[in-house]
Amino acid sequence: MKPWRIIAALCAGLLVLGSCQGPEPEEPVLPAALTTPVLQLEPASGSVFLSVTASKDWSITTSYSGDSGWATVSPATGSGSRNSVIFSYGANESEEARSVTLTLTANPGGQASLTLTQKGIVKPDVPPQQYGYGYDVAKAHWLELPATKADDGKEWFAHDMSGGDYFSKPNNKRNWSFYYDYDSYLATWVAYPLNKALIGNGSRTNAWGYDPLLPSSWQQAIVNGAYGTGHTRGHQLPSADRLTYAANVSTFYATNMTPQDYDFNCGIWANLENKVRSYASSSDTLYVVTGCVVDGKSPTLRDREDHPVRVPSAYFKALLRYMPGSTLGYGGYMACGFFFAHTSSIANDNFVNYIMSIDELEEKTGIEFFVNLPEAVGADNARKIKSQEPVSWWK
């Protein structure tokens, strides 16, 4: 066969074979996928790589939970799979965690989502601050005073009968003092002497206000109403125990208030307050400590200015009576205590059911009462007065 015929036959065969193969198949579509090796981010700013799986064109959008605008994706659009997309994020200066959801949209290929969460910062523990508005420990040796402790985060203040600072001028007449707990936004206790002369004459002023002895920002926001939680503004020093005008105004200071259950305040607590004035009217002087217990059972409420005010779990009164010539105690003195759980369930109870010795009250509260009593009667008599079971005179 001639060579040109052989070449023609081979070409014809190749054409026949080619026509049998049909059209070339298309590449499979890749499902959209978005991944990263780190899903939990530290509070400091930084960046991580994202891997994009896509056949052709894609884009990435962001949606935030909480704060927005703190993260970026670069590039946010592209074509084909890529493992070098950069996700950058700013520092989180809040204690709360925050998150962002990235959504990859591929055409073709559909969508895929990925959520990254950035931790909040952890603030270090701060030792108790010495605020310096009052005194770290009591500056006086009055009979009504409980013990105060240095460096416990609380400060002691004392008012004169005009409601100002007792120590601001010589020969001032003391009114009431208090031991302030800045963490709880209330006084752990209020202490004061009580007799007919100190009660005086006048009427209730309802002059709700801030105590001038420390900044209002450290006090409960009770000036324009109660707490908004159903609790009443409960006096520790009752308004009716100071009836002269300026002294009564001072009983409405925020530092004298605690959030009290309405039924408790108007029931057993008010009944005891009335009885305390009766005790004072039959005494030379009655030394009174009124206070509250804040512990692990005490919830926190937010007042009208968002201060975290603790709601006491219990209340107490410690009473020291002085009556010269009395044979009921020792050296003219005798004492008793009362301790109540802060609950409406006892509102209609008789307060006498909750009477006890000062020693027992000290065990319940962890407070040492009438710390200056040994100076007046001697250490031995002071022990007897505090351990004496309440006599019938108190009941």
Protein backbone atom coordinates (compact mmCIF):
# COMPACT_ATOMS: atom_id res chain seq x y z
CA MET A 1 0.00 0.00 0.00
CA LYS A 2 1.23 3.40 -0.83
CA PRO A 3 2.45 5.45 2.15
CA TRP A 4 -0.03 8.23 1.66
CA ARG A 5 -2.90 5.71 1.87
CA ILE A 6 -1.56 4.37 5.22
CA ILE A 7 -1.43 7.90 6.69
CA ALA A 8 -4.97 8.67 5.54
CA ALA A 9 -6.31 5.47 7.09
CA LEU A 10 -4.69 6.25 10.46
CA CYS A 11 -6.15 9.75 10.51
CA ALA A 12 -9.62 8.41 9.72
CA GLY A 13 -9.35 5.92 12.61
CA LEU A 14 -8.34 8.64 15.05
CA LEU A 15 -11.34 10.73 14.02
CA VAL A 16 -13.66 7.80 14.64
CA LEU A 17 -12.19 7.17 18.10
CA GLY A 18 -12.52 10.83 19.09
CA SER A 19 -16.15 10.98 18.16
CA CYS A 20 -16.93 8.04 20.54
CA GLN A 21 -15.60 9.77 23.76
CA GLY A 22 -18.33 12.49 23.94
CA PRO A 23 -18.04 15.92 25.83
CA GLU A 24 -15.47 16.37 28.63
CA PRO A 25 -17.17 16.04 32.21
CA GLU A 26 -17.52 19.12 34.56
CA GLU A 27 -15.59 19.32 37.89
CA PRO A 28 -17.68 18.41 41.06
CA VAL A 29 -19.03 21.34 43.20
CA LEU A 30 -17.32 21.61 46.64
CA PRO A 31 -19.67 22.15 49.62
CA ALA A 32 -18.88 25.45 51.34
CA ALA A 33 -16.75 25.02 54.51
CA LEU A 34 -15.15 27.49 56.94
CA THR A 35 -12.71 26.31 59.64
CA THR A 36 -10.10 27.64 62.06
CA PRO A 37 -7.87 25.87 64.60
CA VAL A 38 -8.94 28.19 67.47
CA LEU A 39 -12.54 28.94 68.49
CA GLN A 40 -11.88 30.37 72.00
CA LEU A 41 -9.95 33.65 71.88
CA GLU A 42 -7.98 35.29 74.70
CA PRO A 43 -8.99 38.79 75.92
CA ALA A 44 -5.93 40.45 74.30
CA SER A 45 -6.08 41.50 70.66
CA GLY A 46 -4.76 39.08 68.01
CA SER A 47 -5.48 37.17 64.80
CA VAL A 48 -6.00 33.62 63.52
CA PHE A 49 -6.08 32.02 60.05
CA LEU A 50 -9.33 30.85 58.47
CA SER A 51 -9.59 28.09 55.86
CA VAL A 52 -12.19 28.52 53.10
CA THR A 53 -13.40 25.63 50.98
CA ALA A 54 -15.28 26.75 47.85
CA SER A 55 -15.44 25.91 44.15
CA LYS A 56 -15.72 29.42 42.82
CA ASP A 57 -16.75 32.84 44.22
CA TRP A 58 -17.34 33.35 47.96
CA SER A 59 -17.86 36.06 50.59
CA ILE A 60 -17.73 36.18 54.42
CA THR A 61 -20.07 38.29 56.59
CA THR A 62 -20.03 38.88 60.38
CA SER A 63 -22.78 39.10 63.00
CA TYR A 64 -22.13 39.91 66.67
CA SER A 65 -23.56 38.91 70.03
CA GLY A 66 -23.16 42.00 72.20
CA ASP A 67 -20.49 44.54 71.22
CA SER A 68 -19.98 44.93 67.47
CA GLY A 69 -17.18 46.04 65.20
CA TRP A 70 -14.34 44.41 67.13
CA ALA A 71 -13.38 41.85 64.45
CA THR A 72 -12.40 41.96 60.75
CA VAL A 73 -11.90 39.36 57.98
CA SER A 74 -9.29 39.92 55.23
CA PRO A 75 -10.00 39.27 52.48
CA ALA A 76 -13.76 39.10 52.92
CA THR A 77 -14.32 37.94 49.31
CA GLY A 78 -12.48 35.61 46.95
CA SER A 79 -12.65 32.70 44.55
CA GLY A 80 -11.73 29.08 45.14
CA SER A 81 -10.43 27.39 48.26
CA ARG A 82 -7.98 29.31 50.41
CA ASN A 83 -6.31 28.67 53.79
CA SER A 84 -4.77 32.09 54.48
CA VAL A 85 -7.79 34.30 55.22
CA ILE A 86 -6.96 36.42 58.31
CA PHE A 87 -9.47 36.96 61.14
CA SER A 88 -8.30 39.87 63.35
CA TYR A 89 -9.86 40.96 66.65
CA GLY A 90 -9.47 43.76 69.18
CA ALA A 91 -8.91 43.51 72.94
CA ASN A 92 -11.91 42.74 75.16
CA GLU A 93 -11.74 45.14 78.12
CA SER A 94 -14.95 43.84 79.70
CA GLU A 95 -15.29 41.02 82.22
CA GLU A 96 -18.04 39.56 80.00
CA ALA A 97 -17.23 37.24 77.08
CA ARG A 98 -18.38 38.21 73.59
CA SER A 99 -18.81 36.29 70.32
CA VAL A 100 -19.00 36.76 66.56
CA THR A 101 -20.48 34.44 63.92
CA LEU A 102 -18.82 34.29 60.50
CA THR A 103 -20.98 33.13 57.57
CA LEU A 104 -19.35 31.93 54.36
CA THR A 105 -21.55 32.14 51.24
CA ALA A 106 -20.18 30.25 48.20
CA ASN A 107 -21.66 30.29 44.67
CA PRO A 108 -21.98 27.44 43.99
CA GLY A 109 -21.65 25.50 47.24
CA GLY A 110 -24.12 27.05 49.69
CA GLN A 111 -23.32 28.45 53.14
CA ALA A 112 -21.28 27.52 56.23
CA SER A 113 -21.05 29.27 59.62
CA LEU A 114 -18.42 29.49 62.35
CA THR A 115 -18.71 31.14 65.81
CA LEU A 116 -15.68 32.45 67.70
CA THR A 117 -15.88 33.54 71.36
CA GLN A 118 -13.49 35.96 73.06
CA LYS A 119 -13.02 35.64 76.81
CA GLY A 120 -13.56 38.58 79.20
CA ILE A 121 -10.77 39.94 81.34
CA VAL A 122 -10.32 38.69 84.92
CA LYS A 123 -9.85 41.52 87.40
CA PRO A 124 -7.38 40.81 90.22
CA ASP A 125 -8.56 40.70 93.82
CA VAL A 126 -8.21 44.12 95.43
CA PRO A 127 -7.50 44.37 99.18
CA PRO A 128 -9.98 46.36 101.30
CA GLN A 129 -9.69 50.04 100.54
CA GLN A 130 -9.06 52.51 103.32
CA TYR A 131 -11.57 55.12 102.25
CA GLY A 132 -10.58 57.74 104.79
CA TYR A 133 -13.96 59.45 105.19
CA GLY A 134 -14.41 58.18 108.74
CA TYR A 135 -12.19 56.48 111.32
CA ASP A 136 -10.76 52.99 110.98
CA VAL A 137 -11.64 52.33 114.63
CA ALA A 138 -13.86 54.21 117.08
CA LYS A 139 -12.32 57.42 118.35
CA ALA A 140 -14.35 57.55 121.58
CA HIS A 141 -14.95 55.43 124.69
CA TRP A 142 -18.72 55.82 124.96
CA LEU A 143 -20.62 53.11 126.79
CA GLU A 144 -22.89 52.24 123.87
CA LEU A 145 -20.06 51.36 121.51
CA PRO A 146 -19.32 47.83 120.29
CA ALA A 147 -15.76 46.87 119.39
CA THR A 148 -14.35 48.08 116.07
CA LYS A 149 -11.53 46.42 114.16
CA ALA A 150 -8.65 47.92 112.21
CA ASP A 151 -8.32 47.12 108.52
CA ASP A 152 -11.70 45.36 108.17
CA GLY A 153 -12.90 47.63 105.35
CA LYS A 154 -15.41 49.41 107.62
CA GLU A 155 -15.24 52.90 109.10
CA TRP A 156 -16.70 54.57 112.16
CA PHE A 157 -18.52 57.93 112.09
CA ALA A 158 -20.14 60.04 114.82
CA HIS A 159 -22.87 62.71 114.58
CA ASP A 160 -23.64 65.60 116.87
CA MET A 161 -27.20 66.67 117.62
CA SER A 162 -27.25 68.93 114.55
CA GLY A 163 -26.46 65.96 112.29
CA GLY A 164 -22.91 67.10 111.57
CA ASP A 165 -19.53 65.69 112.59
CA TYR A 166 -19.31 65.26 116.37
CA PHE A 167 -15.58 66.02 116.32
CA SER A 168 -15.90 69.27 114.35
CA LYS A 169 -16.05 71.50 117.40
CA PRO A 170 -15.39 71.27 121.15
CA ASN A 171 -18.14 70.53 123.70
CA ASN A 172 -20.38 68.93 121.08
CA LYS A 173 -23.25 66.75 122.29
CA ARG A 174 -23.18 63.30 120.79
CA ASN A 175 -26.14 62.03 118.82
CA TRP A 176 -25.48 58.68 117.12
CA SER A 177 -22.53 56.88 115.62
CA PHE A 178 -22.34 54.11 113.04
CA TYR A 179 -19.99 51.50 111.63
CA TYR A 180 -20.20 51.68 107.83
CA ASP A 181 -19.71 48.74 105.49
CA TYR A 182 -18.82 50.15 102.06
CA ASP A 183 -19.25 46.77 100.35
CA SER A 184 -22.87 46.46 101.56
CA TYR A 185 -23.80 50.18 101.31
CA LEU A 186 -25.17 50.16 104.85
CA ALA A 187 -24.14 50.47 108.50
CA THR A 188 -23.41 47.21 110.30
CA TRP A 189 -24.67 48.92 113.44
CA VAL A 190 -25.85 52.25 114.82
CA ALA A 191 -25.16 53.11 118.48
CA TYR A 192 -26.61 55.88 120.65
CA PRO A 193 -27.64 56.86 124.18
CA LEU A 194 -31.36 57.31 124.88
CA ASN A 195 -33.35 59.12 127.58
CA LYS A 196 -36.21 61.66 127.77
CA ALA A 197 -33.91 64.64 127.27
CA LEU A 198 -32.26 63.14 124.19
CA ILE A 199 -35.62 62.23 122.65
CA GLY A 200 -36.81 65.82 123.08
CA ASN A 201 -39.94 67.29 121.52
CA GLY A 202 -41.01 67.67 117.93
CA SER A 203 -42.35 65.56 115.08
CA ARG A 204 -41.23 63.37 112.21
CA THR A 205 -39.59 65.41 109.43
CA ASN A 206 -39.44 62.81 106.62
CA ALA A 207 -36.33 64.69 105.47
CA TRP A 208 -34.83 61.83 103.47
CA GLY A 209 -31.30 62.83 102.56
CA TYR A 210 -27.63 61.96 102.27
CA ASP A 211 -25.28 61.89 105.22
CA PRO A 212 -22.86 64.85 105.02
CA LEU A 213 -20.04 62.79 106.56
CA LEU A 214 -19.28 60.77 103.40
CA PRO A 215 -19.86 61.15 99.64
CA SER A 216 -23.39 60.47 98.41
CA SER A 217 -21.96 58.08 95.81
CA TRP A 218 -21.17 55.69 98.67
CA GLN A 219 -24.71 55.86 100.08
CA GLN A 220 -28.02 54.23 99.22
CA ALA A 221 -30.20 56.20 96.78
CA ILE A 222 -33.22 56.55 99.09
CA VAL A 223 -33.83 60.29 98.72
CA ASN A 224 -36.56 60.12 96.04
CA GLY A 225 -38.29 56.97 97.23
CA ALA A 226 -37.64 53.47 98.49
CA TYR A 227 -35.68 50.79 96.68
CA GLY A 228 -38.24 49.83 94.05
CA THR A 229 -38.12 46.23 95.25
CA GLY A 230 -40.92 46.23 97.83
CA HIS A 231 -38.54 46.84 100.73
CA THR A 232 -39.12 49.78 103.07
CA ARG A 233 -36.47 52.28 104.14
CA GLY A 234 -35.97 50.89 107.63
CA HIS A 235 -34.44 53.15 110.29
CA GLN A 236 -31.81 51.75 112.62
CA LEU A 237 -32.05 54.79 114.91
CA PRO A 238 -35.83 55.33 114.94
CA SER A 239 -37.16 58.74 113.99
CA ALA A 240 -39.16 58.83 117.25
CA ASP A 241 -35.94 58.48 119.30
CA ARG A 242 -34.80 61.97 118.19
CA LEU A 243 -37.64 64.50 117.94
CA THR A 244 -35.83 67.85 118.02
CA TYR A 245 -35.72 69.11 114.43
CA ALA A 246 -32.04 68.82 113.44
CA ALA A 247 -31.57 65.55 115.28
CA ASN A 248 -34.68 64.10 113.64
CA VAL A 249 -33.46 65.15 110.20
CA SER A 250 -30.28 63.14 110.82
CA THR A 251 -32.31 59.97 111.42
CA PHE A 252 -33.38 60.15 107.75
CA TYR A 253 -29.81 60.00 106.45
CA ALA A 254 -29.16 57.16 104.01
CA THR A 255 -26.47 55.80 106.34
CA ASN A 256 -29.18 55.06 108.93
CA MET A 257 -31.27 53.00 106.49
CA THR A 258 -31.47 49.33 105.59
CA PRO A 259 -33.88 47.58 103.18
CA GLN A 260 -36.52 46.00 105.45
CA ASP A 261 -39.48 43.77 104.73
CA TYR A 262 -42.64 45.85 105.15
CA ASP A 263 -44.48 43.47 107.51
CA PHE A 264 -41.35 42.93 109.62
CA ASN A 265 -40.68 46.67 109.84
CA CYS A 266 -44.25 47.59 110.77
CA GLY A 267 -44.77 44.59 113.03
CA ILE A 268 -42.33 43.05 115.50
CA TRP A 269 -39.60 45.62 114.78
CA ALA A 270 -41.83 48.65 115.40
CA ASN A 271 -43.22 47.04 118.56
CA LEU A 272 -39.73 46.58 119.95
CA GLU A 273 -38.79 50.17 119.07
CA ASN A 274 -41.75 51.41 121.09
CA LYS A 275 -40.74 49.21 124.01
CA VAL A 276 -37.16 50.49 123.90
CA ARG A 277 -38.44 54.04 124.41
CA SER A 278 -40.48 52.73 127.35
CA TYR A 279 -37.30 51.20 128.81
CA ALA A 280 -35.52 54.55 128.38
CA SER A 281 -38.29 56.49 130.11
CA SER A 282 -37.74 54.34 133.23
CA SER A 283 -33.96 54.67 133.20
CA ASP A 284 -31.34 57.30 133.74
CA THR A 285 -29.90 56.35 130.34
CA LEU A 286 -30.40 53.43 128.01
CA TYR A 287 -27.45 52.66 125.74
CA VAL A 288 -28.66 51.15 122.46
CA VAL A 289 -26.99 49.28 119.61
CA THR A 290 -29.21 48.50 116.62
CA GLY A 291 -27.72 46.51 113.79
CA CYS A 292 -28.09 44.01 111.00
CA VAL A 293 -26.44 40.82 109.84
CA VAL A 294 -25.10 40.57 106.30
CA ASP A 295 -23.87 37.10 105.41
CA GLY A 296 -24.05 34.43 102.74
CA LYS A 297 -27.84 34.37 103.02
CA SER A 298 -28.14 38.09 102.32
CA PRO A 299 -29.26 38.91 98.76
CA THR A 300 -28.22 42.05 96.91
CA LEU A 301 -30.66 44.56 95.44
CA ARG A 302 -29.94 47.42 93.08
CA ASP A 303 -31.17 50.80 94.28
CA ARG A 304 -32.30 53.66 92.04
CA GLU A 305 -28.70 54.53 91.18
CA ASP A 306 -27.65 50.89 90.68
CA HIS A 307 -25.71 50.62 93.96
CA PRO A 308 -25.39 46.99 95.17
CA VAL A 309 -27.20 47.22 98.53
CA ARG A 310 -27.25 44.07 100.67
CA VAL A 311 -30.54 42.98 102.24
CA PRO A 312 -29.85 41.89 105.85
CA SER A 313 -30.66 38.31 106.80
CA ALA A 314 -31.21 39.28 110.47
CA TYR A 315 -31.52 42.27 112.82
CA PHE A 316 -30.57 42.78 116.45
CA LYS A 317 -30.66 45.18 119.37
CA ALA A 318 -28.29 45.27 122.34
CA LEU A 319 -29.51 47.29 125.34
CA LEU A 320 -27.57 48.47 128.39
CA ARG A 321 -29.63 50.14 131.12
CA TYR A 322 -28.13 52.47 133.70
CA MET A 323 -30.21 53.31 136.75
CA PRO A 324 -28.34 54.46 139.87
CA GLY A 325 -29.31 52.49 142.97
CA SER A 326 -31.03 49.72 141.01
CA THR A 327 -30.61 46.23 142.51
CA LEU A 328 -31.56 44.43 139.28
CA GLY A 329 -28.04 44.26 137.87
CA TYR A 330 -24.51 45.17 138.91
CA GLY A 331 -23.37 48.66 139.78
CA GLY A 332 -26.62 50.12 138.46
CA TYR A 333 -26.28 48.40 135.06
CA MET A 334 -28.08 45.50 133.42
CA ALA A 335 -28.36 44.41 129.81
CA CYS A 336 -30.19 42.24 127.32
CA GLY A 337 -30.27 41.50 123.61
CA PHE A 338 -32.78 40.69 120.87
CA PHE A 339 -32.12 38.80 117.65
CA PHE A 340 -34.59 38.35 114.76
CA ALA A 341 -34.43 36.57 111.43
CA HIS A 342 -35.41 39.11 108.76
CA THR A 343 -38.68 37.57 107.62
CA SER A 344 -42.34 38.54 107.49
CA SER A 345 -43.22 35.18 109.07
CA ILE A 346 -42.41 36.56 112.55
CA ALA A 347 -44.03 39.99 112.01
CA ASN A 348 -46.86 39.26 114.47
CA ASP A 349 -44.73 37.48 117.07
CA ASN A 350 -44.04 38.86 120.55
CA PHE A 351 -40.52 40.29 120.59
CA VAL A 352 -40.05 38.94 124.13
CA ASN A 353 -39.76 35.49 122.57
CA TYR A 354 -36.45 36.60 121.04
CA ILE A 355 -34.78 38.06 124.15
CA MET A 356 -31.39 36.79 125.32
CA SER A 357 -28.25 37.68 127.25
CA ILE A 358 -25.56 39.85 125.67
CA ASP A 359 -23.20 36.87 125.69
CA GLU A 360 -25.66 34.91 123.56
CA LEU A 361 -26.16 37.85 121.21
CA GLU A 362 -22.39 38.12 120.78
CA GLU A 363 -22.27 34.45 119.77
CA LYS A 364 -24.96 35.00 117.15
CA THR A 365 -23.49 38.17 115.64
CA GLY A 366 -19.75 37.86 116.20
CA ILE A 367 -19.77 41.41 117.62
CA GLU A 368 -18.38 42.36 121.04
CA PHE A 369 -20.93 44.71 122.62
CA PHE A 370 -20.37 47.42 125.26
CA VAL A 371 -16.61 47.11 124.95
CA ASN A 372 -16.07 50.10 127.29
CA LEU A 373 -18.27 48.78 130.10
CA PRO A 374 -15.31 47.45 132.17
CA GLU A 375 -14.06 51.03 132.50
CA ALA A 376 -17.34 51.93 134.27
CA VAL A 377 -17.93 48.89 136.49
CA GLY A 378 -14.77 46.79 136.38
CA ALA A 379 -14.03 43.67 134.36
CA ASP A 380 -15.73 41.24 136.77
CA ASN A 381 -19.03 43.15 136.91
CA ALA A 382 -18.94 43.68 133.15
CA ARG A 383 -18.75 39.92 132.63
CA LYS A 384 -21.69 39.40 135.00
CA ILE A 385 -23.81 42.04 133.24
CA LYS A 386 -23.20 40.51 129.82
CA SER A 387 -23.83 36.94 130.93
CA GLN A 388 -26.94 37.71 133.04
CA GLU A 389 -30.15 36.19 131.72
CA PRO A 390 -32.73 38.95 131.10
CA VAL A 391 -34.79 39.66 134.23
CA SER A 392 -38.55 40.13 134.17
CA TRP A 393 -38.16 43.93 134.01
CA TRP A 394 -37.32 43.57 130.30
CA LYS A 395 -40.41 41.46 129.53
